[in-house]
Amino acid sequence: MTEREHRLAENEAAFRDVNESLRYVASNAVDTVQTMRLICECGDGACAAFVGVTVAEYEAVRAVPTHFIVLPDHVASDIERVVSSNERFAVVEKRPGEPAEIARETDPRDDPPA
């Protein structure tokens, strides 16, 4: 894996952590949250774009540790492939190897409840 690919994978994992916090706040703020504004989980550390995602869509993506939500034009085809997309976002899966390992190792939902 190149240094660039490693950096992209780590950036995406960091954005996923931020979105986990946003999801937690949204789910505790109101019972009727229908759409959340989340940060694009692409590998570009300078990206500050938002993506509109329903709670159900977000939970479906988070069920797979190697899946991330990115804007359709933010796909890094060298480390991921598109598994689904719509007009708002693409769901990408990390390619086997180090990108997928980083995604699994940094999955915030992998920790057992305290």
PDB file of N, CA and C in Angstrom:
ATOM      1  N   MET A   1       0.850  -1.168   0.000  1.00  0.00           N
ATOM      2  CA  MET A   1       0.000   0.000   0.000  1.00  0.00           C
ATOM      3  C   MET A   1       0.896   1.232   0.000  1.00  0.00           C
ATOM      4  N   THR A   2       0.499   2.217  -0.790  1.00  0.00           N
ATOM      5  CA  THR A   2       1.280   3.446  -0.841  1.00  0.00           C
ATOM      6  C   THR A   2       0.964   4.324   0.360  1.00  0.00           C
ATOM      7  N   GLU A   3       1.818   5.306   0.591  1.00  0.00           N
ATOM      8  CA  GLU A   3       1.591   6.263   1.678  1.00  0.00           C
ATOM      9  C   GLU A   3       0.277   7.000   1.464  1.00  0.00           C
ATOM     10  N   ARG A   4      -0.039   7.357   0.213  1.00  0.00           N
ATOM     11  CA  ARG A   4      -1.289   8.052  -0.105  1.00  0.00           C
ATOM     12  C   ARG A   4      -2.489   7.184   0.249  1.00  0.00           C
ATOM     13  N   GLU A   5      -2.465   5.922  -0.135  1.00  0.00           N
ATOM     14  CA  GLU A   5      -3.571   5.024   0.155  1.00  0.00           C
ATOM     15  C   GLU A   5      -3.759   4.853   1.662  1.00  0.00           C
ATOM     16  N   HIS A   6      -2.649   4.754   2.380  1.00  0.00           N
ATOM     17  CA  HIS A   6      -2.705   4.630   3.841  1.00  0.00           C
ATOM     18  C   HIS A   6      -3.337   5.890   4.453  1.00  0.00           C
ATOM     19  N   ARG A   7      -2.906   7.063   4.001  1.00  0.00           N
ATOM     20  CA  ARG A   7      -3.433   8.329   4.511  1.00  0.00           C
ATOM     21  C   ARG A   7      -4.927   8.461   4.209  1.00  0.00           C
ATOM     22  N   LEU A   8      -5.344   8.094   2.988  1.00  0.00           N
ATOM     23  CA  LEU A   8      -6.767   8.162   2.633  1.00  0.00           C
ATOM     24  C   LEU A   8      -7.597   7.271   3.551  1.00  0.00           C
ATOM     25  N   ALA A   9      -7.130   6.063   3.786  1.00  0.00           N
ATOM     26  CA  ALA A   9      -7.867   5.135   4.649  1.00  0.00           C
ATOM     27  C   ALA A   9      -7.978   5.677   6.070  1.00  0.00           C
ATOM     28  N   GLU A  10      -6.904   6.243   6.588  1.00  0.00           N
ATOM     29  CA  GLU A  10      -6.949   6.813   7.942  1.00  0.00           C
ATOM     30  C   GLU A  10      -7.853   8.040   8.007  1.00  0.00           C
ATOM     31  N   ASN A  11      -7.835   8.886   6.978  1.00  0.00           N
ATOM     32  CA  ASN A  11      -8.726  10.054   6.948  1.00  0.00           C
ATOM     33  C   ASN A  11     -10.183   9.613   6.970  1.00  0.00           C
ATOM     34  N   GLU A  12     -10.530   8.604   6.174  1.00  0.00           N
ATOM     35  CA  GLU A  12     -11.906   8.126   6.137  1.00  0.00           C
ATOM     36  C   GLU A  12     -12.341   7.576   7.489  1.00  0.00           C
ATOM     37  N   ALA A  13     -11.459   6.873   8.150  1.00  0.00           N
ATOM     38  CA  ALA A  13     -11.779   6.345   9.479  1.00  0.00           C
ATOM     39  C   ALA A  13     -12.015   7.480  10.471  1.00  0.00           C
ATOM     40  N   ALA A  14     -11.242   8.547  10.375  1.00  0.00           N
ATOM     41  CA  ALA A  14     -11.418   9.694  11.271  1.00  0.00           C
ATOM     42  C   ALA A  14     -12.764  10.369  11.031  1.00  0.00           C
ATOM     43  N   PHE A  15     -13.142  10.541   9.761  1.00  0.00           N
ATOM     44  CA  PHE A  15     -14.439  11.154   9.463  1.00  0.00           C
ATOM     45  C   PHE A  15     -15.584  10.269   9.951  1.00  0.00           C
ATOM     46  N   ARG A  16     -15.417   8.951   9.872  1.00  0.00           N
ATOM     47  CA  ARG A  16     -16.446   8.041  10.370  1.00  0.00           C
ATOM     48  C   ARG A  16     -16.632   8.252  11.872  1.00  0.00           C
ATOM     49  N   ASP A  17     -15.547   8.443  12.612  1.00  0.00           N
ATOM     50  CA  ASP A  17     -15.647   8.692  14.055  1.00  0.00           C
ATOM     51  C   ASP A  17     -16.443   9.959  14.344  1.00  0.00           C
ATOM     52  N   VAL A  18     -16.196  11.015  13.574  1.00  0.00           N
ATOM     53  CA  VAL A  18     -16.943  12.267  13.751  1.00  0.00           C
ATOM     54  C   VAL A  18     -18.420  12.016  13.496  1.00  0.00           C
ATOM     55  N   ASN A  19     -18.740  11.288  12.444  1.00  0.00           N
ATOM     56  CA  ASN A  19     -20.144  11.023  12.124  1.00  0.00           C
ATOM     57  C   ASN A  19     -20.818  10.150  13.178  1.00  0.00           C
ATOM     58  N   GLU A  20     -20.083   9.260  13.806  1.00  0.00           N
ATOM     59  CA  GLU A  20     -20.658   8.482  14.903  1.00  0.00           C
ATOM     60  C   GLU A  20     -21.090   9.416  16.035  1.00  0.00           C
ATOM     61  N   SER A  21     -20.286  10.417  16.330  1.00  0.00           N
ATOM     62  CA  SER A  21     -20.641  11.389  17.370  1.00  0.00           C
ATOM     63  C   SER A  21     -21.856  12.194  16.965  1.00  0.00           C
ATOM     64  N   LEU A  22     -21.915  12.610  15.696  1.00  0.00           N
ATOM     65  CA  LEU A  22     -23.070  13.374  15.211  1.00  0.00           C
ATOM     66  C   LEU A  22     -24.336  12.529  15.281  1.00  0.00           C
ATOM     67  N   ARG A  23     -24.238  11.248  14.934  1.00  0.00           N
ATOM     68  CA  ARG A  23     -25.402  10.368  14.995  1.00  0.00           C
ATOM     69  C   ARG A  23     -25.889  10.235  16.432  1.00  0.00           C
ATOM     70  N   TYR A  24     -24.962  10.107  17.366  1.00  0.00           N
ATOM     71  CA  TYR A  24     -25.331   9.978  18.767  1.00  0.00           C
ATOM     72  C   TYR A  24     -26.067  11.230  19.243  1.00  0.00           C
ATOM     73  N   VAL A  25     -25.555  12.393  18.913  1.00  0.00           N
ATOM     74  CA  VAL A  25     -26.196  13.650  19.308  1.00  0.00           C
ATOM     75  C   VAL A  25     -27.580  13.753  18.685  1.00  0.00           C
ATOM     76  N   ALA A  26     -27.685  13.435  17.390  1.00  0.00           N
ATOM     77  CA  ALA A  26     -28.980  13.527  16.705  1.00  0.00           C
ATOM     78  C   ALA A  26     -29.996  12.571  17.305  1.00  0.00           C
ATOM     79  N   SER A  27     -29.570  11.368  17.621  1.00  0.00           N
ATOM     80  CA  SER A  27     -30.523  10.390  18.143  1.00  0.00           C
ATOM     81  C   SER A  27     -30.971  10.719  19.557  1.00  0.00           C
ATOM     82  N   ASN A  28     -30.178  11.471  20.294  1.00  0.00           N
ATOM     83  CA  ASN A  28     -30.564  11.847  21.648  1.00  0.00           C
ATOM     84  C   ASN A  28     -31.240  13.207  21.730  1.00  0.00           C
ATOM     85  N   ALA A  29     -31.159  13.993  20.672  1.00  0.00           N
ATOM     86  CA  ALA A  29     -31.741  15.329  20.683  1.00  0.00           C
ATOM     87  C   ALA A  29     -33.243  15.286  20.456  1.00  0.00           C
ATOM     88  N   VAL A  30     -33.667  14.517  19.487  1.00  0.00           N
ATOM     89  CA  VAL A  30     -35.099  14.405  19.182  1.00  0.00           C
ATOM     90  C   VAL A  30     -35.405  12.980  18.760  1.00  0.00           C
ATOM     91  N   ASP A  31     -36.621  12.592  18.982  1.00  0.00           N
ATOM     92  CA  ASP A  31     -37.028  11.236  18.624  1.00  0.00           C
ATOM     93  C   ASP A  31     -37.433  11.104  17.158  1.00  0.00           C
ATOM     94  N   THR A  32     -37.591  12.215  16.471  1.00  0.00           N
ATOM     95  CA  THR A  32     -38.112  12.156  15.109  1.00  0.00           C
ATOM     96  C   THR A  32     -37.111  12.631  14.062  1.00  0.00           C
ATOM     97  N   VAL A  33     -35.833  12.527  14.333  1.00  0.00           N
ATOM     98  CA  VAL A  33     -34.831  12.922  13.350  1.00  0.00           C
ATOM     99  C   VAL A  33     -35.011  12.053  12.113  1.00  0.00           C
ATOM    100  N   GLN A  34     -35.205  12.700  10.961  1.00  0.00           N
ATOM    101  CA  GLN A  34     -35.395  11.934   9.743  1.00  0.00           C
ATOM    102  C   GLN A  34     -34.142  11.965   8.872  1.00  0.00           C
ATOM    103  N   THR A  35     -33.489  13.120   8.794  1.00  0.00           N
ATOM    104  CA  THR A  35     -32.277  13.234   8.000  1.00  0.00           C
ATOM    105  C   THR A  35     -31.204  13.923   8.818  1.00  0.00           C
ATOM    106  N   MET A  36     -30.012  13.358   8.768  1.00  0.00           N
ATOM    107  CA  MET A  36     -28.873  13.959   9.463  1.00  0.00           C
ATOM    108  C   MET A  36     -27.941  14.552   8.417  1.00  0.00           C
ATOM    109  N   ARG A  37     -27.266  15.629   8.788  1.00  0.00           N
ATOM    110  CA  ARG A  37     -26.206  16.189   7.940  1.00  0.00           C
ATOM    111  C   ARG A  37     -24.893  15.669   8.485  1.00  0.00           C
ATOM    112  N   LEU A  38     -24.262  14.793   7.710  1.00  0.00           N
ATOM    113  CA  LEU A  38     -23.006  14.192   8.131  1.00  0.00           C
ATOM    114  C   LEU A  38     -21.876  14.682   7.246  1.00  0.00           C
ATOM    115  N   ILE A  39     -20.671  14.525   7.742  1.00  0.00           N
ATOM    116  CA  ILE A  39     -19.488  14.894   6.985  1.00  0.00           C
ATOM    117  C   ILE A  39     -19.190  13.797   5.979  1.00  0.00           C
ATOM    118  N   CYS A  40     -18.859  14.189   4.759  1.00  0.00           N
ATOM    119  CA  CYS A  40     -18.433  13.230   3.741  1.00  0.00           C
ATOM    120  C   CYS A  40     -17.255  12.438   4.306  1.00  0.00           C
ATOM    121  N   GLU A  41     -17.301  11.129   4.189  1.00  0.00           N
ATOM    122  CA  GLU A  41     -16.270  10.264   4.756  1.00  0.00           C
ATOM    123  C   GLU A  41     -15.181   9.913   3.747  1.00  0.00           C
ATOM    124  N   CYS A  42     -14.967  10.799   2.777  1.00  0.00           N
ATOM    125  CA  CYS A  42     -13.926  10.543   1.780  1.00  0.00           C
ATOM    126  C   CYS A  42     -12.547  10.697   2.409  1.00  0.00           C
ATOM    127  N   GLY A  43     -11.546  10.311   1.675  1.00  0.00           N
ATOM    128  CA  GLY A  43     -10.190  10.341   2.187  1.00  0.00           C
ATOM    129  C   GLY A  43      -9.505  11.684   2.130  1.00  0.00           C
ATOM    130  N   ASP A  44     -10.144  12.693   1.559  1.00  0.00           N
ATOM    131  CA  ASP A  44      -9.548  14.021   1.457  1.00  0.00           C
ATOM    132  C   ASP A  44      -9.644  14.721   2.803  1.00  0.00           C
ATOM    133  N   GLY A  45      -8.514  14.878   3.481  1.00  0.00           N
ATOM    134  CA  GLY A  45      -8.495  15.491   4.803  1.00  0.00           C
ATOM    135  C   GLY A  45      -9.003  16.920   4.822  1.00  0.00           C
ATOM    136  N   ALA A  46      -9.039  17.588   3.671  1.00  0.00           N
ATOM    137  CA  ALA A  46      -9.522  18.966   3.588  1.00  0.00           C
ATOM    138  C   ALA A  46     -11.003  19.047   3.238  1.00  0.00           C
ATOM    139  N   CYS A  47     -11.635  17.930   2.949  1.00  0.00           N
ATOM    140  CA  CYS A  47     -13.051  17.930   2.572  1.00  0.00           C
ATOM    141  C   CYS A  47     -13.897  18.329   3.774  1.00  0.00           C
ATOM    142  N   ALA A  48     -14.805  19.267   3.548  1.00  0.00           N
ATOM    143  CA  ALA A  48     -15.716  19.702   4.602  1.00  0.00           C
ATOM    144  C   ALA A  48     -17.164  19.646   4.103  1.00  0.00           C
ATOM    145  N   ALA A  49     -17.416  18.827   3.096  1.00  0.00           N
ATOM    146  CA  ALA A  49     -18.747  18.727   2.505  1.00  0.00           C
ATOM    147  C   ALA A  49     -19.673  17.930   3.417  1.00  0.00           C
ATOM    148  N   PHE A  50     -20.945  18.277   3.361  1.00  0.00           N
ATOM    149  CA  PHE A  50     -21.960  17.567   4.127  1.00  0.00           C
ATOM    150  C   PHE A  50     -22.796  16.691   3.206  1.00  0.00           C
ATOM    151  N   VAL A  51     -23.307  15.606   3.773  1.00  0.00           N
ATOM    152  CA  VAL A  51     -24.143  14.661   3.057  1.00  0.00           C
ATOM    153  C   VAL A  51     -25.414  14.468   3.871  1.00  0.00           C
ATOM    154  N   GLY A  52     -26.577  14.546   3.230  1.00  0.00           N
ATOM    155  CA  GLY A  52     -27.844  14.279   3.896  1.00  0.00           C
ATOM    156  C   GLY A  52     -28.124  12.783   3.888  1.00  0.00           C
ATOM    157  N   VAL A  53     -28.280  12.200   5.086  1.00  0.00           N
ATOM    158  CA  VAL A  53     -28.449  10.753   5.223  1.00  0.00           C
ATOM    159  C   VAL A  53     -29.552  10.489   6.245  1.00  0.00           C
ATOM    160  N   THR A  54     -30.442   9.556   5.935  1.00  0.00           N
ATOM    161  CA  THR A  54     -31.441   9.189   6.935  1.00  0.00           C
ATOM    162  C   THR A  54     -30.778   8.300   7.985  1.00  0.00           C
ATOM    163  N   VAL A  55     -31.406   8.194   9.121  1.00  0.00           N
ATOM    164  CA  VAL A  55     -30.874   7.341  10.183  1.00  0.00           C
ATOM    165  C   VAL A  55     -30.796   5.893   9.694  1.00  0.00           C
ATOM    166  N   ALA A  56     -31.814   5.426   8.988  1.00  0.00           N
ATOM    167  CA  ALA A  56     -31.820   4.046   8.484  1.00  0.00           C
ATOM    168  C   ALA A  56     -30.687   3.820   7.486  1.00  0.00           C
ATOM    169  N   GLU A  57     -30.461   4.778   6.584  1.00  0.00           N
ATOM    170  CA  GLU A  57     -29.355   4.650   5.627  1.00  0.00           C
ATOM    171  C   GLU A  57     -28.016   4.589   6.360  1.00  0.00           C
ATOM    172  N   TYR A  58     -27.861   5.469   7.337  1.00  0.00           N
ATOM    173  CA  TYR A  58     -26.607   5.509   8.083  1.00  0.00           C
ATOM    174  C   TYR A  58     -26.367   4.190   8.820  1.00  0.00           C
ATOM    175  N   GLU A  59     -27.386   3.679   9.472  1.00  0.00           N
ATOM    176  CA  GLU A  59     -27.245   2.430  10.221  1.00  0.00           C
ATOM    177  C   GLU A  59     -26.911   1.263   9.290  1.00  0.00           C
ATOM    178  N   ALA A  60     -27.484   1.254   8.090  1.00  0.00           N
ATOM    179  CA  ALA A  60     -27.181   0.187   7.127  1.00  0.00           C
ATOM    180  C   ALA A  60     -25.714   0.234   6.713  1.00  0.00           C
ATOM    181  N   VAL A  61     -25.177   1.418   6.517  1.00  0.00           N
ATOM    182  CA  VAL A  61     -23.762   1.554   6.147  1.00  0.00           C
ATOM    183  C   VAL A  61     -22.876   1.150   7.318  1.00  0.00           C
ATOM    184  N   ARG A  62     -23.206   1.611   8.521  1.00  0.00           N
ATOM    185  CA  ARG A  62     -22.376   1.312   9.692  1.00  0.00           C
ATOM    186  C   ARG A  62     -22.392  -0.170  10.071  1.00  0.00           C
ATOM    187  N   ALA A  63     -23.346  -0.927   9.555  1.00  0.00           N
ATOM    188  CA  ALA A  63     -23.401  -2.359   9.858  1.00  0.00           C
ATOM    189  C   ALA A  63     -22.220  -3.118   9.259  1.00  0.00           C
ATOM    190  N   VAL A  64     -21.528  -2.511   8.299  1.00  0.00           N
ATOM    191  CA  VAL A  64     -20.374  -3.143   7.650  1.00  0.00           C
ATOM    192  C   VAL A  64     -19.160  -2.247   7.894  1.00  0.00           C
ATOM    193  N   PRO A  65     -18.186  -2.703   8.657  1.00  0.00           N
ATOM    194  CA  PRO A  65     -17.052  -1.853   9.040  1.00  0.00           C
ATOM    195  C   PRO A  65     -16.225  -1.305   7.884  1.00  0.00           C
ATOM    196  N   THR A  66     -16.297  -1.932   6.724  1.00  0.00           N
ATOM    197  CA  THR A  66     -15.508  -1.465   5.583  1.00  0.00           C
ATOM    198  C   THR A  66     -16.294  -0.574   4.637  1.00  0.00           C
ATOM    199  N   HIS A  67     -17.504  -0.171   5.021  1.00  0.00           N
ATOM    200  CA  HIS A  67     -18.330   0.706   4.194  1.00  0.00           C
ATOM    201  C   HIS A  67     -18.295   2.138   4.723  1.00  0.00           C
ATOM    202  N   PHE A  68     -18.301   3.093   3.790  1.00  0.00           N
ATOM    203  CA  PHE A  68     -18.254   4.516   4.122  1.00  0.00           C
ATOM    204  C   PHE A  68     -19.199   5.283   3.209  1.00  0.00           C
ATOM    205  N   ILE A  69     -19.648   6.463   3.671  1.00  0.00           N
ATOM    206  CA  ILE A  69     -20.540   7.336   2.910  1.00  0.00           C
ATOM    207  C   ILE A  69     -19.710   8.494   2.344  1.00  0.00           C
ATOM    208  N   VAL A  70     -19.733   8.639   1.020  1.00  0.00           N
ATOM    209  CA  VAL A  70     -18.996   9.727   0.373  1.00  0.00           C
ATOM    210  C   VAL A  70     -19.875  10.379  -0.688  1.00  0.00           C
ATOM    211  N   LEU A  71     -19.535  11.605  -1.031  1.00  0.00           N
ATOM    212  CA  LEU A  71     -20.212  12.231  -2.163  1.00  0.00           C
ATOM    213  C   LEU A  71     -19.850  11.444  -3.421  1.00  0.00           C
ATOM    214  N   PRO A  72     -20.766  11.371  -4.381  1.00  0.00           N
ATOM    215  CA  PRO A  72     -20.507  10.546  -5.568  1.00  0.00           C
ATOM    216  C   PRO A  72     -19.202  10.869  -6.298  1.00  0.00           C
ATOM    217  N   ASP A  73     -18.784  12.108  -6.296  1.00  0.00           N
ATOM    218  CA  ASP A  73     -17.547  12.467  -7.003  1.00  0.00           C
ATOM    219  C   ASP A  73     -16.319  12.445  -6.088  1.00  0.00           C
ATOM    220  N   HIS A  74     -16.436  11.873  -4.882  1.00  0.00           N
ATOM    221  CA  HIS A  74     -15.324  11.777  -3.940  1.00  0.00           C
ATOM    222  C   HIS A  74     -14.812  10.345  -3.773  1.00  0.00           C
ATOM    223  N   VAL A  75     -15.193   9.452  -4.660  1.00  0.00           N
ATOM    224  CA  VAL A  75     -14.764   8.052  -4.582  1.00  0.00           C
ATOM    225  C   VAL A  75     -13.282   7.957  -4.939  1.00  0.00           C
ATOM    226  N   ALA A  76     -12.509   7.278  -4.093  1.00  0.00           N
ATOM    227  CA  ALA A  76     -11.085   7.028  -4.354  1.00  0.00           C
ATOM    228  C   ALA A  76     -10.973   5.603  -4.887  1.00  0.00           C
ATOM    229  N   SER A  77     -11.078   5.454  -6.194  1.00  0.00           N
ATOM    230  CA  SER A  77     -11.162   4.122  -6.797  1.00  0.00           C
ATOM    231  C   SER A  77      -9.924   3.262  -6.568  1.00  0.00           C
ATOM    232  N   ASP A  78      -8.813   3.861  -6.150  1.00  0.00           N
ATOM    233  CA  ASP A  78      -7.624   3.050  -5.893  1.00  0.00           C
ATOM    234  C   ASP A  78      -7.706   2.299  -4.569  1.00  0.00           C
ATOM    235  N   ILE A  79      -8.589   2.728  -3.643  1.00  0.00           N
ATOM    236  CA  ILE A  79      -8.702   2.023  -2.356  1.00  0.00           C
ATOM    237  C   ILE A  79     -10.122   1.559  -2.039  1.00  0.00           C
ATOM    238  N   GLU A  80     -11.088   1.852  -2.926  1.00  0.00           N
ATOM    239  CA  GLU A  80     -12.472   1.496  -2.634  1.00  0.00           C
ATOM    240  C   GLU A  80     -13.263   1.290  -3.918  1.00  0.00           C
ATOM    241  N   ARG A  81     -14.400   0.606  -3.758  1.00  0.00           N
ATOM    242  CA  ARG A  81     -15.319   0.419  -4.880  1.00  0.00           C
ATOM    243  C   ARG A  81     -16.715   0.818  -4.419  1.00  0.00           C
ATOM    244  N   VAL A  82     -17.534   1.309  -5.341  1.00  0.00           N
ATOM    245  CA  VAL A  82     -18.902   1.714  -5.031  1.00  0.00           C
ATOM    246  C   VAL A  82     -19.767   0.466  -4.932  1.00  0.00           C
ATOM    247  N   VAL A  83     -20.491   0.340  -3.800  1.00  0.00           N
ATOM    248  CA  VAL A  83     -21.404  -0.797  -3.631  1.00  0.00           C
ATOM    249  C   VAL A  83     -22.858  -0.378  -3.837  1.00  0.00           C
ATOM    250  N   SER A  84     -23.140   0.914  -3.662  1.00  0.00           N
ATOM    251  CA  SER A  84     -24.462   1.458  -3.966  1.00  0.00           C
ATOM    252  C   SER A  84     -24.344   2.974  -4.036  1.00  0.00           C
ATOM    253  N   SER A  85     -25.329   3.585  -4.670  1.00  0.00           N
ATOM    254  CA  SER A  85     -25.314   5.052  -4.750  1.00  0.00           C
ATOM    255  C   SER A  85     -26.719   5.565  -5.021  1.00  0.00           C
ATOM    256  N   ASN A  86     -26.905   6.825  -4.709  1.00  0.00           N
ATOM    257  CA  ASN A  86     -28.144   7.520  -5.021  1.00  0.00           C
ATOM    258  C   ASN A  86     -27.766   8.952  -5.403  1.00  0.00           C
ATOM    259  N   GLU A  87     -28.722   9.825  -5.529  1.00  0.00           N
ATOM    260  CA  GLU A  87     -28.420  11.196  -5.947  1.00  0.00           C
ATOM    261  C   GLU A  87     -27.689  11.993  -4.861  1.00  0.00           C
ATOM    262  N   ARG A  88     -27.718  11.533  -3.606  1.00  0.00           N
ATOM    263  CA  ARG A  88     -27.089  12.261  -2.505  1.00  0.00           C
ATOM    264  C   ARG A  88     -25.702  11.768  -2.136  1.00  0.00           C
ATOM    265  N   PHE A  89     -25.470  10.456  -2.231  1.00  0.00           N
ATOM    266  CA  PHE A  89     -24.187   9.913  -1.787  1.00  0.00           C
ATOM    267  C   PHE A  89     -23.927   8.547  -2.408  1.00  0.00           C
ATOM    268  N   ALA A  90     -22.679   8.106  -2.271  1.00  0.00           N
ATOM    269  CA  ALA A  90     -22.290   6.751  -2.664  1.00  0.00           C
ATOM    270  C   ALA A  90     -21.840   6.010  -1.411  1.00  0.00           C
ATOM    271  N   VAL A  91     -22.105   4.736  -1.368  1.00  0.00           N
ATOM    272  CA  VAL A  91     -21.572   3.875  -0.310  1.00  0.00           C
ATOM    273  C   VAL A  91     -20.409   3.130  -0.953  1.00  0.00           C
ATOM    274  N   VAL A  92     -19.233   3.287  -0.335  1.00  0.00           N
ATOM    275  CA  VAL A  92     -18.045   2.632  -0.869  1.00  0.00           C
ATOM    276  C   VAL A  92     -17.551   1.578   0.110  1.00  0.00           C
ATOM    277  N   GLU A  93     -16.894   0.586  -0.445  1.00  0.00           N
ATOM    278  CA  GLU A  93     -16.302  -0.477   0.357  1.00  0.00           C
ATOM    279  C   GLU A  93     -14.796  -0.456   0.138  1.00  0.00           C
ATOM    280  N   LYS A  94     -14.051  -0.496   1.235  1.00  0.00           N
ATOM    281  CA  LYS A  94     -12.587  -0.533   1.135  1.00  0.00           C
ATOM    282  C   LYS A  94     -12.159  -1.813   0.439  1.00  0.00           C
ATOM    283  N   ARG A  95     -11.182  -1.691  -0.431  1.00  0.00           N
ATOM    284  CA  ARG A  95     -10.632  -2.861  -1.125  1.00  0.00           C
ATOM    285  C   ARG A  95      -9.874  -3.736  -0.112  1.00  0.00           C
ATOM    286  N   PRO A  96      -9.804  -5.039  -0.378  1.00  0.00           N
ATOM    287  CA  PRO A  96      -9.057  -5.933   0.524  1.00  0.00           C
ATOM    288  C   PRO A  96      -7.617  -5.457   0.698  1.00  0.00           C
ATOM    289  N   GLY A  97      -7.059  -5.772   1.833  1.00  0.00           N
ATOM    290  CA  GLY A  97      -5.692  -5.363   2.137  1.00  0.00           C
ATOM    291  C   GLY A  97      -5.692  -4.319   3.235  1.00  0.00           C
ATOM    292  N   GLU A  98      -4.690  -3.466   3.230  1.00  0.00           N
ATOM    293  CA  GLU A  98      -4.528  -2.497   4.308  1.00  0.00           C
ATOM    294  C   GLU A  98      -5.687  -1.511   4.448  1.00  0.00           C
ATOM    295  N   PRO A  99      -6.280  -0.983   3.340  1.00  0.00           N
ATOM    296  CA  PRO A  99      -7.425  -0.078   3.535  1.00  0.00           C
ATOM    297  C   PRO A  99      -8.562  -0.739   4.324  1.00  0.00           C
ATOM    298  N   ALA A 100      -8.882  -1.983   3.991  1.00  0.00           N
ATOM    299  CA  ALA A 100      -9.947  -2.697   4.710  1.00  0.00           C
ATOM    300  C   ALA A 100      -9.544  -2.983   6.148  1.00  0.00           C
ATOM    301  N   GLU A 101      -8.276  -3.318   6.366  1.00  0.00           N
ATOM    302  CA  GLU A 101      -7.797  -3.578   7.725  1.00  0.00           C
ATOM    303  C   GLU A 101      -7.889  -2.326   8.595  1.00  0.00           C
ATOM    304  N   ILE A 102      -7.488  -1.188   8.045  1.00  0.00           N
ATOM    305  CA  ILE A 102      -7.591   0.073   8.796  1.00  0.00           C
ATOM    306  C   ILE A 102      -9.049   0.342   9.148  1.00  0.00           C
ATOM    307  N   ALA A 103      -9.951   0.127   8.192  1.00  0.00           N
ATOM    308  CA  ALA A 103     -11.383   0.352   8.444  1.00  0.00           C
ATOM    309  C   ALA A 103     -11.883  -0.547   9.572  1.00  0.00           C
ATOM    310  N   ARG A 104     -11.502  -1.814   9.550  1.00  0.00           N
ATOM    311  CA  ARG A 104     -11.950  -2.745  10.595  1.00  0.00           C
ATOM    312  C   ARG A 104     -11.336  -2.408  11.953  1.00  0.00           C
ATOM    313  N   GLU A 105     -10.042  -2.113  11.970  1.00  0.00           N
ATOM    314  CA  GLU A 105      -9.347  -1.837  13.228  1.00  0.00           C
ATOM    315  C   GLU A 105      -9.821  -0.547  13.902  1.00  0.00           C
ATOM    316  N   THR A 106     -10.306   0.388  13.119  1.00  0.00           N
ATOM    317  CA  THR A 106     -10.735   1.678  13.673  1.00  0.00           C
ATOM    318  C   THR A 106     -12.254   1.791  13.797  1.00  0.00           C
ATOM    319  N   ASP A 107     -12.969   0.706  13.547  1.00  0.00           N
ATOM    320  CA  ASP A 107     -14.422   0.739  13.620  1.00  0.00           C
ATOM    321  C   ASP A 107     -14.879   1.090  15.037  1.00  0.00           C
ATOM    322  N   PRO A 108     -15.528   2.248  15.219  1.00  0.00           N
ATOM    323  CA  PRO A 108     -15.965   2.633  16.561  1.00  0.00           C
ATOM    324  C   PRO A 108     -17.044   1.741  17.144  1.00  0.00           C
ATOM    325  N   ARG A 109     -17.719   1.001  16.311  1.00  0.00           N
ATOM    326  CA  ARG A 109     -18.768   0.101  16.802  1.00  0.00           C
ATOM    327  C   ARG A 109     -18.246  -1.282  17.135  1.00  0.00           C
ATOM    328  N   ASP A 110     -16.963  -1.490  16.984  1.00  0.00           N
ATOM    329  CA  ASP A 110     -16.374  -2.791  17.279  1.00  0.00           C
ATOM    330  C   ASP A 110     -16.106  -2.983  18.767  1.00  0.00           C
ATOM    331  N   ASP A 111     -16.048  -1.892  19.510  1.00  0.00           N
ATOM    332  CA  ASP A 111     -15.773  -1.981  20.952  1.00  0.00           C
ATOM    333  C   ASP A 111     -17.008  -2.488  21.678  1.00  0.00           C
ATOM    334  N   PRO A 112     -16.842  -3.435  22.592  1.00  0.00           N
ATOM    335  CA  PRO A 112     -17.990  -3.904  23.375  1.00  0.00           C
ATOM    336  C   PRO A 112     -18.503  -2.799  24.288  1.00  0.00           C
ATOM    337  N   PRO A 113     -19.797  -2.781  24.568  1.00  0.00           N
ATOM    338  CA  PRO A 113     -20.361  -1.762  25.451  1.00  0.00           C
ATOM    339  C   PRO A 113     -19.725  -1.820  26.842  1.00  0.00           C
ATOM    340  N   ALA A 114     -19.589  -0.666  27.460  1.00  0.00           N
ATOM    341  CA  ALA A 114     -18.976  -0.597  28.803  1.00  0.00           C
ATOM    342  C   ALA A 114     -19.979  -0.977  29.869  1.00  0.00           C
TER     343      ALA A 114
END
